[in-house]
Amino acid sequence: MPPKIWVPSQSITPAKHLTERTRRKEALSLYREILRTAKHFHWADEKTGEPWNQKLQKQARKEFEESKRETDPLIIARMLVTGRDCVQQVQNRFNEATQAAWKRISKDSERRDF
């Protein structure tokens, strides 16, 4: 006998974490976090000369505007999770680079104390 596949019925209401209001709050929270993270990109693009922080802010705005019309809750949830993960990875790399820079600075300072 083949295994039974469970298919949810359409009458089931979405879980609380998938409500429109919650998705909207999460998207806004993610957008703000992206803008705060983009502020740390102080250098300019070599090709255009435009600061990366402005470029990233424009791109984030564009992607959020394009995604605004999405209605499928699963796709929206996937985009939110992916966005959070990407922002977290960028923040972690910045923290690692900052720690490495401070270690180099302290190491150079110790050498000069002789």
PDB file of N, CA and C in Angstrom:
ATOM      1  N   MET A   1       0.849  -1.166   0.000  1.00  0.00           N
ATOM      2  CA  MET A   1       0.000   0.000   0.000  1.00  0.00           C
ATOM      3  C   MET A   1       0.903   1.241   0.000  1.00  0.00           C
ATOM      4  N   PRO A   2       0.662   2.244  -0.897  1.00  0.00           N
ATOM      5  CA  PRO A   2       1.504   3.438  -0.956  1.00  0.00           C
ATOM      6  C   PRO A   2       1.281   4.316   0.269  1.00  0.00           C
ATOM      7  N   PRO A   3       2.284   5.105   0.623  1.00  0.00           N
ATOM      8  CA  PRO A   3       2.121   5.989   1.781  1.00  0.00           C
ATOM      9  C   PRO A   3       1.084   7.067   1.501  1.00  0.00           C
ATOM     10  N   LYS A   4       0.413   7.483   2.551  1.00  0.00           N
ATOM     11  CA  LYS A   4      -0.596   8.526   2.420  1.00  0.00           C
ATOM     12  C   LYS A   4       0.083   9.890   2.494  1.00  0.00           C
ATOM     13  N   ILE A   5      -0.334  10.759   1.629  1.00  0.00           N
ATOM     14  CA  ILE A   5       0.208  12.108   1.611  1.00  0.00           C
ATOM     15  C   ILE A   5      -0.835  13.037   2.206  1.00  0.00           C
ATOM     16  N   TRP A   6      -0.433  13.790   3.191  1.00  0.00           N
ATOM     17  CA  TRP A   6      -1.349  14.720   3.832  1.00  0.00           C
ATOM     18  C   TRP A   6      -1.360  16.024   3.059  1.00  0.00           C
ATOM     19  N   VAL A   7      -2.509  16.463   2.650  1.00  0.00           N
ATOM     20  CA  VAL A   7      -2.667  17.724   1.944  1.00  0.00           C
ATOM     21  C   VAL A   7      -3.567  18.604   2.800  1.00  0.00           C
ATOM     22  N   PRO A   8      -3.068  19.763   3.221  1.00  0.00           N
ATOM     23  CA  PRO A   8      -3.901  20.611   4.070  1.00  0.00           C
ATOM     24  C   PRO A   8      -5.106  21.136   3.306  1.00  0.00           C
ATOM     25  N   SER A   9      -6.226  21.216   3.996  1.00  0.00           N
ATOM     26  CA  SER A   9      -7.417  21.753   3.345  1.00  0.00           C
ATOM     27  C   SER A   9      -7.345  23.272   3.306  1.00  0.00           C
ATOM     28  N   GLN A  10      -8.076  23.872   2.425  1.00  0.00           N
ATOM     29  CA  GLN A  10      -8.064  25.315   2.268  1.00  0.00           C
ATOM     30  C   GLN A  10      -8.801  26.029   3.393  1.00  0.00           C
ATOM     31  N   SER A  11      -9.555  25.298   4.208  1.00  0.00           N
ATOM     32  CA  SER A  11     -10.326  25.933   5.272  1.00  0.00           C
ATOM     33  C   SER A  11      -9.477  26.255   6.504  1.00  0.00           C
ATOM     34  N   ILE A  12      -8.262  25.735   6.552  1.00  0.00           N
ATOM     35  CA  ILE A  12      -7.389  25.991   7.694  1.00  0.00           C
ATOM     36  C   ILE A  12      -6.900  27.433   7.632  1.00  0.00           C
ATOM     37  N   THR A  13      -7.043  28.153   8.730  1.00  0.00           N
ATOM     38  CA  THR A  13      -6.567  29.532   8.765  1.00  0.00           C
ATOM     39  C   THR A  13      -5.050  29.524   8.913  1.00  0.00           C
ATOM     40  N   PRO A  14      -4.374  30.526   8.380  1.00  0.00           N
ATOM     41  CA  PRO A  14      -2.915  30.547   8.491  1.00  0.00           C
ATOM     42  C   PRO A  14      -2.475  30.689   9.937  1.00  0.00           C
ATOM     43  N   ALA A  15      -1.308  30.174  10.215  1.00  0.00           N
ATOM     44  CA  ALA A  15      -0.763  30.270  11.574  1.00  0.00           C
ATOM     45  C   ALA A  15      -0.539  31.732  11.923  1.00  0.00           C
ATOM     46  N   LYS A  16      -0.436  32.007  13.208  1.00  0.00           N
ATOM     47  CA  LYS A  16      -0.293  33.380  13.664  1.00  0.00           C
ATOM     48  C   LYS A  16       0.928  34.057  13.061  1.00  0.00           C
ATOM     49  N   HIS A  17       2.011  33.311  12.924  1.00  0.00           N
ATOM     50  CA  HIS A  17       3.236  33.908  12.400  1.00  0.00           C
ATOM     51  C   HIS A  17       3.148  34.206  10.910  1.00  0.00           C
ATOM     52  N   LEU A  18       2.090  33.788  10.249  1.00  0.00           N
ATOM     53  CA  LEU A  18       1.940  34.065   8.832  1.00  0.00           C
ATOM     54  C   LEU A  18       0.835  35.083   8.549  1.00  0.00           C
ATOM     55  N   THR A  19       0.367  35.790   9.558  1.00  0.00           N
ATOM     56  CA  THR A  19      -0.683  36.769   9.318  1.00  0.00           C
ATOM     57  C   THR A  19      -0.112  37.959   8.560  1.00  0.00           C
ATOM     58  N   GLU A  20      -0.991  38.670   7.885  1.00  0.00           N
ATOM     59  CA  GLU A  20      -0.575  39.821   7.079  1.00  0.00           C
ATOM     60  C   GLU A  20       0.113  40.874   7.933  1.00  0.00           C
ATOM     61  N   ARG A  21      -0.433  41.136   9.083  1.00  0.00           N
ATOM     62  CA  ARG A  21       0.135  42.160   9.965  1.00  0.00           C
ATOM     63  C   ARG A  21       1.542  41.775  10.434  1.00  0.00           C
ATOM     64  N   THR A  22       1.711  40.527  10.802  1.00  0.00           N
ATOM     65  CA  THR A  22       3.016  40.063  11.272  1.00  0.00           C
ATOM     66  C   THR A  22       4.044  40.082  10.144  1.00  0.00           C
ATOM     67  N   ARG A  23       3.628  39.646   8.955  1.00  0.00           N
ATOM     68  CA  ARG A  23       4.549  39.672   7.818  1.00  0.00           C
ATOM     69  C   ARG A  23       4.973  41.106   7.517  1.00  0.00           C
ATOM     70  N   ARG A  24       4.034  42.027   7.613  1.00  0.00           N
ATOM     71  CA  ARG A  24       4.337  43.434   7.345  1.00  0.00           C
ATOM     72  C   ARG A  24       5.322  43.986   8.376  1.00  0.00           C
ATOM     73  N   LYS A  25       5.102  43.646   9.648  1.00  0.00           N
ATOM     74  CA  LYS A  25       6.011  44.099  10.704  1.00  0.00           C
ATOM     75  C   LYS A  25       7.405  43.509  10.518  1.00  0.00           C
ATOM     76  N   GLU A  26       7.469  42.240  10.160  1.00  0.00           N
ATOM     77  CA  GLU A  26       8.756  41.588   9.942  1.00  0.00           C
ATOM     78  C   GLU A  26       9.492  42.200   8.752  1.00  0.00           C
ATOM     79  N   ALA A  27       8.752  42.490   7.686  1.00  0.00           N
ATOM     80  CA  ALA A  27       9.371  43.089   6.506  1.00  0.00           C
ATOM     81  C   ALA A  27       9.913  44.483   6.843  1.00  0.00           C
ATOM     82  N   LEU A  28       9.151  45.257   7.573  1.00  0.00           N
ATOM     83  CA  LEU A  28       9.599  46.589   7.957  1.00  0.00           C
ATOM     84  C   LEU A  28      10.816  46.511   8.870  1.00  0.00           C
ATOM     85  N   SER A  29      10.799  45.565   9.800  1.00  0.00           N
ATOM     86  CA  SER A  29      11.932  45.367  10.697  1.00  0.00           C
ATOM     87  C   SER A  29      13.187  44.975   9.913  1.00  0.00           C
ATOM     88  N   LEU A  30      13.027  44.080   8.953  1.00  0.00           N
ATOM     89  CA  LEU A  30      14.153  43.657   8.120  1.00  0.00           C
ATOM     90  C   LEU A  30      14.680  44.830   7.300  1.00  0.00           C
ATOM     91  N   TYR A  31      13.783  45.614   6.725  1.00  0.00           N
ATOM     92  CA  TYR A  31      14.186  46.760   5.918  1.00  0.00           C
ATOM     93  C   TYR A  31      14.995  47.750   6.752  1.00  0.00           C
ATOM     94  N   ARG A  32      14.531  48.029   7.951  1.00  0.00           N
ATOM     95  CA  ARG A  32      15.266  48.941   8.834  1.00  0.00           C
ATOM     96  C   ARG A  32      16.630  48.383   9.201  1.00  0.00           C
ATOM     97  N   GLU A  33      16.700  47.084   9.443  1.00  0.00           N
ATOM     98  CA  GLU A  33      17.979  46.450   9.784  1.00  0.00           C
ATOM     99  C   GLU A  33      18.950  46.525   8.601  1.00  0.00           C
ATOM    100  N   ILE A  34      18.434  46.359   7.397  1.00  0.00           N
ATOM    101  CA  ILE A  34      19.279  46.479   6.204  1.00  0.00           C
ATOM    102  C   ILE A  34      19.823  47.898   6.099  1.00  0.00           C
ATOM    103  N   LEU A  35      18.973  48.901   6.326  1.00  0.00           N
ATOM    104  CA  LEU A  35      19.425  50.289   6.249  1.00  0.00           C
ATOM    105  C   LEU A  35      20.475  50.599   7.311  1.00  0.00           C
ATOM    106  N   ARG A  36      20.271  50.077   8.522  1.00  0.00           N
ATOM    107  CA  ARG A  36      21.271  50.299   9.584  1.00  0.00           C
ATOM    108  C   ARG A  36      22.594  49.632   9.231  1.00  0.00           C
ATOM    109  N   THR A  37      22.532  48.452   8.651  1.00  0.00           N
ATOM    110  CA  THR A  37      23.752  47.734   8.280  1.00  0.00           C
ATOM    111  C   THR A  37      24.441  48.431   7.103  1.00  0.00           C
ATOM    112  N   ALA A  38      23.664  48.942   6.156  1.00  0.00           N
ATOM    113  CA  ALA A  38      24.240  49.604   4.982  1.00  0.00           C
ATOM    114  C   ALA A  38      25.015  50.856   5.366  1.00  0.00           C
ATOM    115  N   LYS A  39      24.683  51.479   6.478  1.00  0.00           N
ATOM    116  CA  LYS A  39      25.401  52.680   6.912  1.00  0.00           C
ATOM    117  C   LYS A  39      26.882  52.426   7.146  1.00  0.00           C
ATOM    118  N   HIS A  40      27.255  51.185   7.396  1.00  0.00           N
ATOM    119  CA  HIS A  40      28.642  50.848   7.704  1.00  0.00           C
ATOM    120  C   HIS A  40      29.521  50.725   6.457  1.00  0.00           C
ATOM    121  N   PHE A  41      28.923  50.769   5.277  1.00  0.00           N
ATOM    122  CA  PHE A  41      29.683  50.675   4.031  1.00  0.00           C
ATOM    123  C   PHE A  41      30.083  52.085   3.624  1.00  0.00           C
ATOM    124  N   HIS A  42      31.256  52.542   4.058  1.00  0.00           N
ATOM    125  CA  HIS A  42      31.672  53.919   3.847  1.00  0.00           C
ATOM    126  C   HIS A  42      32.442  54.140   2.549  1.00  0.00           C
ATOM    127  N   TRP A  43      32.976  53.120   1.945  1.00  0.00           N
ATOM    128  CA  TRP A  43      33.796  53.297   0.763  1.00  0.00           C
ATOM    129  C   TRP A  43      32.912  53.429  -0.480  1.00  0.00           C
ATOM    130  N   ALA A  44      33.512  53.891  -1.572  1.00  0.00           N
ATOM    131  CA  ALA A  44      32.775  54.142  -2.813  1.00  0.00           C
ATOM    132  C   ALA A  44      32.994  53.022  -3.819  1.00  0.00           C
ATOM    133  N   ASP A  45      32.039  52.855  -4.699  1.00  0.00           N
ATOM    134  CA  ASP A  45      32.141  51.898  -5.788  1.00  0.00           C
ATOM    135  C   ASP A  45      33.219  52.377  -6.761  1.00  0.00           C
ATOM    136  N   GLU A  46      34.119  51.497  -7.153  1.00  0.00           N
ATOM    137  CA  GLU A  46      35.226  51.880  -8.024  1.00  0.00           C
ATOM    138  C   GLU A  46      34.749  52.290  -9.416  1.00  0.00           C
ATOM    139  N   LYS A  47      33.676  51.690  -9.897  1.00  0.00           N
ATOM    140  CA  LYS A  47      33.196  51.976 -11.252  1.00  0.00           C
ATOM    141  C   LYS A  47      32.441  53.299 -11.330  1.00  0.00           C
ATOM    142  N   THR A  48      31.527  53.520 -10.401  1.00  0.00           N
ATOM    143  CA  THR A  48      30.659  54.702 -10.492  1.00  0.00           C
ATOM    144  C   THR A  48      31.074  55.824  -9.555  1.00  0.00           C
ATOM    145  N   GLY A  49      31.804  55.514  -8.512  1.00  0.00           N
ATOM    146  CA  GLY A  49      32.190  56.521  -7.527  1.00  0.00           C
ATOM    147  C   GLY A  49      31.102  56.792  -6.505  1.00  0.00           C
ATOM    148  N   GLU A  50      29.969  56.118  -6.648  1.00  0.00           N
ATOM    149  CA  GLU A  50      28.856  56.289  -5.705  1.00  0.00           C
ATOM    150  C   GLU A  50      29.168  55.533  -4.413  1.00  0.00           C
ATOM    151  N   PRO A  51      28.883  56.134  -3.259  1.00  0.00           N
ATOM    152  CA  PRO A  51      29.116  55.425  -1.994  1.00  0.00           C
ATOM    153  C   PRO A  51      28.271  54.149  -1.920  1.00  0.00           C
ATOM    154  N   TRP A  52      28.890  53.100  -1.404  1.00  0.00           N
ATOM    155  CA  TRP A  52      28.192  51.812  -1.328  1.00  0.00           C
ATOM    156  C   TRP A  52      26.967  51.881  -0.424  1.00  0.00           C
ATOM    157  N   ASN A  53      27.023  52.674   0.640  1.00  0.00           N
ATOM    158  CA  ASN A  53      25.868  52.724   1.531  1.00  0.00           C
ATOM    159  C   ASN A  53      24.637  53.251   0.795  1.00  0.00           C
ATOM    160  N   GLN A  54      24.802  54.260  -0.052  1.00  0.00           N
ATOM    161  CA  GLN A  54      23.671  54.770  -0.823  1.00  0.00           C
ATOM    162  C   GLN A  54      23.202  53.765  -1.870  1.00  0.00           C
ATOM    163  N   LYS A  55      24.172  53.113  -2.489  1.00  0.00           N
ATOM    164  CA  LYS A  55      23.841  52.109  -3.498  1.00  0.00           C
ATOM    165  C   LYS A  55      23.042  50.951  -2.878  1.00  0.00           C
ATOM    166  N   LEU A  56      23.475  50.483  -1.712  1.00  0.00           N
ATOM    167  CA  LEU A  56      22.788  49.389  -1.040  1.00  0.00           C
ATOM    168  C   LEU A  56      21.396  49.798  -0.562  1.00  0.00           C
ATOM    169  N   GLN A  57      21.268  51.027  -0.092  1.00  0.00           N
ATOM    170  CA  GLN A  57      19.958  51.512   0.335  1.00  0.00           C
ATOM    171  C   GLN A  57      18.986  51.581  -0.838  1.00  0.00           C
ATOM    172  N   LYS A  58      19.452  52.061  -1.982  1.00  0.00           N
ATOM    173  CA  LYS A  58      18.600  52.124  -3.175  1.00  0.00           C
ATOM    174  C   LYS A  58      18.184  50.728  -3.623  1.00  0.00           C
ATOM    175  N   GLN A  59      19.141  49.797  -3.602  1.00  0.00           N
ATOM    176  CA  GLN A  59      18.842  48.429  -4.027  1.00  0.00           C
ATOM    177  C   GLN A  59      17.848  47.758  -3.077  1.00  0.00           C
ATOM    178  N   ALA A  60      18.019  47.976  -1.776  1.00  0.00           N
ATOM    179  CA  ALA A  60      17.085  47.408  -0.807  1.00  0.00           C
ATOM    180  C   ALA A  60      15.686  47.962  -1.039  1.00  0.00           C
ATOM    181  N   ARG A  61      15.591  49.265  -1.251  1.00  0.00           N
ATOM    182  CA  ARG A  61      14.290  49.889  -1.517  1.00  0.00           C
ATOM    183  C   ARG A  61      13.644  49.294  -2.757  1.00  0.00           C
ATOM    184  N   LYS A  62      14.443  49.130  -3.813  1.00  0.00           N
ATOM    185  CA  LYS A  62      13.939  48.574  -5.067  1.00  0.00           C
ATOM    186  C   LYS A  62      13.405  47.153  -4.868  1.00  0.00           C
ATOM    187  N   GLU A  63      14.180  46.325  -4.163  1.00  0.00           N
ATOM    188  CA  GLU A  63      13.754  44.940  -3.955  1.00  0.00           C
ATOM    189  C   GLU A  63      12.520  44.846  -3.076  1.00  0.00           C
ATOM    190  N   PHE A  64      12.422  45.694  -2.059  1.00  0.00           N
ATOM    191  CA  PHE A  64      11.233  45.668  -1.219  1.00  0.00           C
ATOM    192  C   PHE A  64      10.006  46.166  -1.984  1.00  0.00           C
ATOM    193  N   GLU A  65      10.187  47.158  -2.839  1.00  0.00           N
ATOM    194  CA  GLU A  65       9.073  47.651  -3.666  1.00  0.00           C
ATOM    195  C   GLU A  65       8.592  46.560  -4.622  1.00  0.00           C
ATOM    196  N   GLU A  66       9.528  45.825  -5.229  1.00  0.00           N
ATOM    197  CA  GLU A  66       9.158  44.751  -6.141  1.00  0.00           C
ATOM    198  C   GLU A  66       8.469  43.602  -5.414  1.00  0.00           C
ATOM    199  N   SER A  67       8.884  43.336  -4.192  1.00  0.00           N
ATOM    200  CA  SER A  67       8.321  42.227  -3.422  1.00  0.00           C
ATOM    201  C   SER A  67       7.002  42.589  -2.756  1.00  0.00           C
ATOM    202  N   LYS A  68       6.659  43.850  -2.775  1.00  0.00           N
ATOM    203  CA  LYS A  68       5.445  44.314  -2.098  1.00  0.00           C
ATOM    204  C   LYS A  68       4.186  43.657  -2.662  1.00  0.00           C
ATOM    205  N   ARG A  69       4.202  43.295  -3.927  1.00  0.00           N
ATOM    206  CA  ARG A  69       3.024  42.728  -4.570  1.00  0.00           C
ATOM    207  C   ARG A  69       2.871  41.223  -4.345  1.00  0.00           C
ATOM    208  N   GLU A  70       3.853  40.606  -3.721  1.00  0.00           N
ATOM    209  CA  GLU A  70       3.801  39.155  -3.491  1.00  0.00           C
ATOM    210  C   GLU A  70       2.689  38.837  -2.488  1.00  0.00           C
ATOM    211  N   THR A  71       1.894  37.820  -2.791  1.00  0.00           N
ATOM    212  CA  THR A  71       0.775  37.451  -1.919  1.00  0.00           C
ATOM    213  C   THR A  71       0.925  36.072  -1.293  1.00  0.00           C
ATOM    214  N   ASP A  72       1.774  35.230  -1.846  1.00  0.00           N
ATOM    215  CA  ASP A  72       1.943  33.876  -1.312  1.00  0.00           C
ATOM    216  C   ASP A  72       2.687  33.939   0.018  1.00  0.00           C
ATOM    217  N   PRO A  73       2.042  33.498   1.115  1.00  0.00           N
ATOM    218  CA  PRO A  73       2.675  33.592   2.432  1.00  0.00           C
ATOM    219  C   PRO A  73       3.971  32.792   2.548  1.00  0.00           C
ATOM    220  N   LEU A  74       4.064  31.674   1.844  1.00  0.00           N
ATOM    221  CA  LEU A  74       5.280  30.866   1.930  1.00  0.00           C
ATOM    222  C   LEU A  74       6.453  31.556   1.237  1.00  0.00           C
ATOM    223  N   ILE A  75       6.197  32.174   0.116  1.00  0.00           N
ATOM    224  CA  ILE A  75       7.262  32.899  -0.581  1.00  0.00           C
ATOM    225  C   ILE A  75       7.693  34.107   0.240  1.00  0.00           C
ATOM    226  N   ILE A  76       6.732  34.792   0.833  1.00  0.00           N
ATOM    227  CA  ILE A  76       7.050  35.948   1.677  1.00  0.00           C
ATOM    228  C   ILE A  76       7.896  35.505   2.865  1.00  0.00           C
ATOM    229  N   ALA A  77       7.492  34.411   3.493  1.00  0.00           N
ATOM    230  CA  ALA A  77       8.261  33.902   4.637  1.00  0.00           C
ATOM    231  C   ALA A  77       9.673  33.515   4.212  1.00  0.00           C
ATOM    232  N   ARG A  78       9.796  32.890   3.056  1.00  0.00           N
ATOM    233  CA  ARG A  78      11.118  32.497   2.556  1.00  0.00           C
ATOM    234  C   ARG A  78      11.984  33.729   2.287  1.00  0.00           C
ATOM    235  N   MET A  79      11.391  34.764   1.703  1.00  0.00           N
ATOM    236  CA  MET A  79      12.156  35.987   1.438  1.00  0.00           C
ATOM    237  C   MET A  79      12.607  36.642   2.743  1.00  0.00           C
ATOM    238  N   LEU A  80      11.738  36.650   3.749  1.00  0.00           N
ATOM    239  CA  LEU A  80      12.095  37.252   5.029  1.00  0.00           C
ATOM    240  C   LEU A  80      13.227  36.489   5.706  1.00  0.00           C
ATOM    241  N   VAL A  81      13.123  35.164   5.687  1.00  0.00           N
ATOM    242  CA  VAL A  81      14.163  34.341   6.310  1.00  0.00           C
ATOM    243  C   VAL A  81      15.490  34.503   5.575  1.00  0.00           C
ATOM    244  N   THR A  82      15.444  34.492   4.256  1.00  0.00           N
ATOM    245  CA  THR A  82      16.666  34.663   3.462  1.00  0.00           C
ATOM    246  C   THR A  82      17.282  36.037   3.706  1.00  0.00           C
ATOM    247  N   GLY A  83      16.444  37.061   3.747  1.00  0.00           N
ATOM    248  CA  GLY A  83      16.939  38.418   3.997  1.00  0.00           C
ATOM    249  C   GLY A  83      17.589  38.536   5.359  1.00  0.00           C
ATOM    250  N   ARG A  84      16.946  37.981   6.376  1.00  0.00           N
ATOM    251  CA  ARG A  84      17.521  38.015   7.731  1.00  0.00           C
ATOM    252  C   ARG A  84      18.856  37.292   7.776  1.00  0.00           C
ATOM    253  N   ASP A  85      18.910  36.155   7.122  1.00  0.00           N
ATOM    254  CA  ASP A  85      20.147  35.377   7.112  1.00  0.00           C
ATOM    255  C   ASP A  85      21.279  36.152   6.436  1.00  0.00           C
ATOM    256  N   CYS A  86      20.981  36.790   5.317  1.00  0.00           N
ATOM    257  CA  CYS A  86      22.006  37.557   4.604  1.00  0.00           C
ATOM    258  C   CYS A  86      22.503  38.735   5.430  1.00  0.00           C
ATOM    259  N   VAL A  87      21.580  39.448   6.060  1.00  0.00           N
ATOM    260  CA  VAL A  87      21.983  40.585   6.893  1.00  0.00           C
ATOM    261  C   VAL A  87      22.836  40.102   8.062  1.00  0.00           C
ATOM    262  N   GLN A  88      22.454  38.977   8.660  1.00  0.00           N
ATOM    263  CA  GLN A  88      23.214  38.429   9.779  1.00  0.00           C
ATOM    264  C   GLN A  88      24.622  38.039   9.350  1.00  0.00           C
ATOM    265  N   GLN A  89      24.750  37.447   8.171  1.00  0.00           N
ATOM    266  CA  GLN A  89      26.076  37.069   7.669  1.00  0.00           C
ATOM    267  C   GLN A  89      26.945  38.300   7.442  1.00  0.00           C
ATOM    268  N   VAL A  90      26.380  39.345   6.867  1.00  0.00           N
ATOM    269  CA  VAL A  90      27.137  40.582   6.644  1.00  0.00           C
ATOM    270  C   VAL A  90      27.579  41.175   7.968  1.00  0.00           C
ATOM    271  N   GLN A  91      26.672  41.205   8.945  1.00  0.00           N
ATOM    272  CA  GLN A  91      27.011  41.755  10.260  1.00  0.00           C
ATOM    273  C   GLN A  91      28.100  40.936  10.929  1.00  0.00           C
ATOM    274  N   ASN A  92      28.025  39.627  10.812  1.00  0.00           N
ATOM    275  CA  ASN A  92      29.062  38.772  11.399  1.00  0.00           C
ATOM    276  C   ASN A  92      30.419  39.025  10.751  1.00  0.00           C
ATOM    277  N   ARG A  93      30.445  39.180   9.433  1.00  0.00           N
ATOM    278  CA  ARG A  93      31.711  39.449   8.742  1.00  0.00           C
ATOM    279  C   ARG A  93      32.282  40.803   9.138  1.00  0.00           C
ATOM    280  N   PHE A  94      31.415  41.788   9.303  1.00  0.00           N
ATOM    281  CA  PHE A  94      31.893  43.087   9.764  1.00  0.00           C
ATOM    282  C   PHE A  94      32.482  42.976  11.160  1.00  0.00           C
ATOM    283  N   ASN A  95      31.819  42.246  12.039  1.00  0.00           N
ATOM    284  CA  ASN A  95      32.331  42.070  13.402  1.00  0.00           C
ATOM    285  C   ASN A  95      33.675  41.348  13.399  1.00  0.00           C
ATOM    286  N   GLU A  96      33.806  40.313  12.575  1.00  0.00           N
ATOM    287  CA  GLU A  96      35.070  39.585  12.493  1.00  0.00           C
ATOM    288  C   GLU A  96      36.185  40.484  11.959  1.00  0.00           C
ATOM    289  N   ALA A  97      35.874  41.276  10.937  1.00  0.00           N
ATOM    290  CA  ALA A  97      36.882  42.179  10.374  1.00  0.00           C
ATOM    291  C   ALA A  97      37.280  43.248  11.383  1.00  0.00           C
ATOM    292  N   THR A  98      36.319  43.746  12.134  1.00  0.00           N
ATOM    293  CA  THR A  98      36.606  44.758  13.150  1.00  0.00           C
ATOM    294  C   THR A  98      37.493  44.173  14.251  1.00  0.00           C
ATOM    295  N   GLN A  99      37.180  42.965  14.702  1.00  0.00           N
ATOM    296  CA  GLN A  99      37.992  42.322  15.733  1.00  0.00           C
ATOM    297  C   GLN A  99      39.405  42.067  15.226  1.00  0.00           C
ATOM    298  N   ALA A 100      39.529  41.624  13.986  1.00  0.00           N
ATOM    299  CA  ALA A 100      40.861  41.377  13.418  1.00  0.00           C
ATOM    300  C   ALA A 100      41.653  42.679  13.316  1.00  0.00           C
ATOM    301  N   ALA A 101      40.988  43.758  12.937  1.00  0.00           N
ATOM    302  CA  ALA A 101      41.673  45.050  12.848  1.00  0.00           C
ATOM    303  C   ALA A 101      42.144  45.510  14.221  1.00  0.00           C
ATOM    304  N   TRP A 102      41.307  45.357  15.228  1.00  0.00           N
ATOM    305  CA  TRP A 102      41.702  45.767  16.581  1.00  0.00           C
ATOM    306  C   TRP A 102      42.852  44.923  17.112  1.00  0.00           C
ATOM    307  N   LYS A 103      42.862  43.638  16.767  1.00  0.00           N
ATOM    308  CA  LYS A 103      43.973  42.783  17.178  1.00  0.00           C
ATOM    309  C   LYS A 103      45.274  43.242  16.529  1.00  0.00           C
ATOM    310  N   ARG A 104      45.211  43.584  15.226  1.00  0.00           N
ATOM    311  CA  ARG A 104      46.406  44.087  14.550  1.00  0.00           C
ATOM    312  C   ARG A 104      46.874  45.395  15.170  1.00  0.00           C
ATOM    313  N   ILE A 105      45.936  46.264  15.494  1.00  0.00           N
ATOM    314  CA  ILE A 105      46.290  47.550  16.104  1.00  0.00           C
ATOM    315  C   ILE A 105      46.941  47.347  17.456  1.00  0.00           C
ATOM    316  N   SER A 106      46.372  46.482  18.273  1.00  0.00           N
ATOM    317  CA  SER A 106      46.955  46.247  19.600  1.00  0.00           C
ATOM    318  C   SER A 106      48.310  45.556  19.480  1.00  0.00           C
ATOM    319  N   LYS A 107      48.454  44.666  18.513  1.00  0.00           N
ATOM    320  CA  LYS A 107      49.730  43.988  18.310  1.00  0.00           C
ATOM    321  C   LYS A 107      50.798  44.993  17.874  1.00  0.00           C
ATOM    322  N   ASP A 108      50.445  45.902  16.950  1.00  0.00           N
ATOM    323  CA  ASP A 108      51.385  46.932  16.521  1.00  0.00           C
ATOM    324  C   ASP A 108      51.712  47.883  17.659  1.00  0.00           C
ATOM    325  N   SER A 109      50.741  48.183  18.506  1.00  0.00           N
ATOM    326  CA  SER A 109      50.985  49.080  19.641  1.00  0.00           C
ATOM    327  C   SER A 109      51.933  48.445  20.629  1.00  0.00           C
ATOM    328  N   GLU A 110      51.833  47.130  20.835  1.00  0.00           N
ATOM    329  CA  GLU A 110      52.726  46.432  21.756  1.00  0.00           C
ATOM    330  C   GLU A 110      54.155  46.454  21.239  1.00  0.00           C
ATOM    331  N   ARG A 111      54.332  46.348  19.939  1.00  0.00           N
ATOM    332  CA  ARG A 111      55.669  46.375  19.345  1.00  0.00           C
ATOM    333  C   ARG A 111      56.310  47.746  19.516  1.00  0.00           C
ATOM    334  N   ARG A 112      55.522  48.788  19.461  1.00  0.00           N
ATOM    335  CA  ARG A 112      56.056  50.152  19.577  1.00  0.00           C
ATOM    336  C   ARG A 112      56.426  50.501  21.007  1.00  0.00           C
ATOM    337  N   ASP A 113      55.884  49.785  21.976  1.00  0.00           N
ATOM    338  CA  ASP A 113      56.149  50.096  23.381  1.00  0.00           C
ATOM    339  C   ASP A 113      57.569  49.738  23.789  1.00  0.00           C
ATOM    340  N   PHE A 114      58.301  49.020  22.999  1.00  0.00           N
ATOM    341  CA  PHE A 114      59.659  48.610  23.383  1.00  0.00           C
ATOM    342  C   PHE A 114      60.539  49.776  23.502  1.00  0.00           C
TER     343      PHE A 114
END
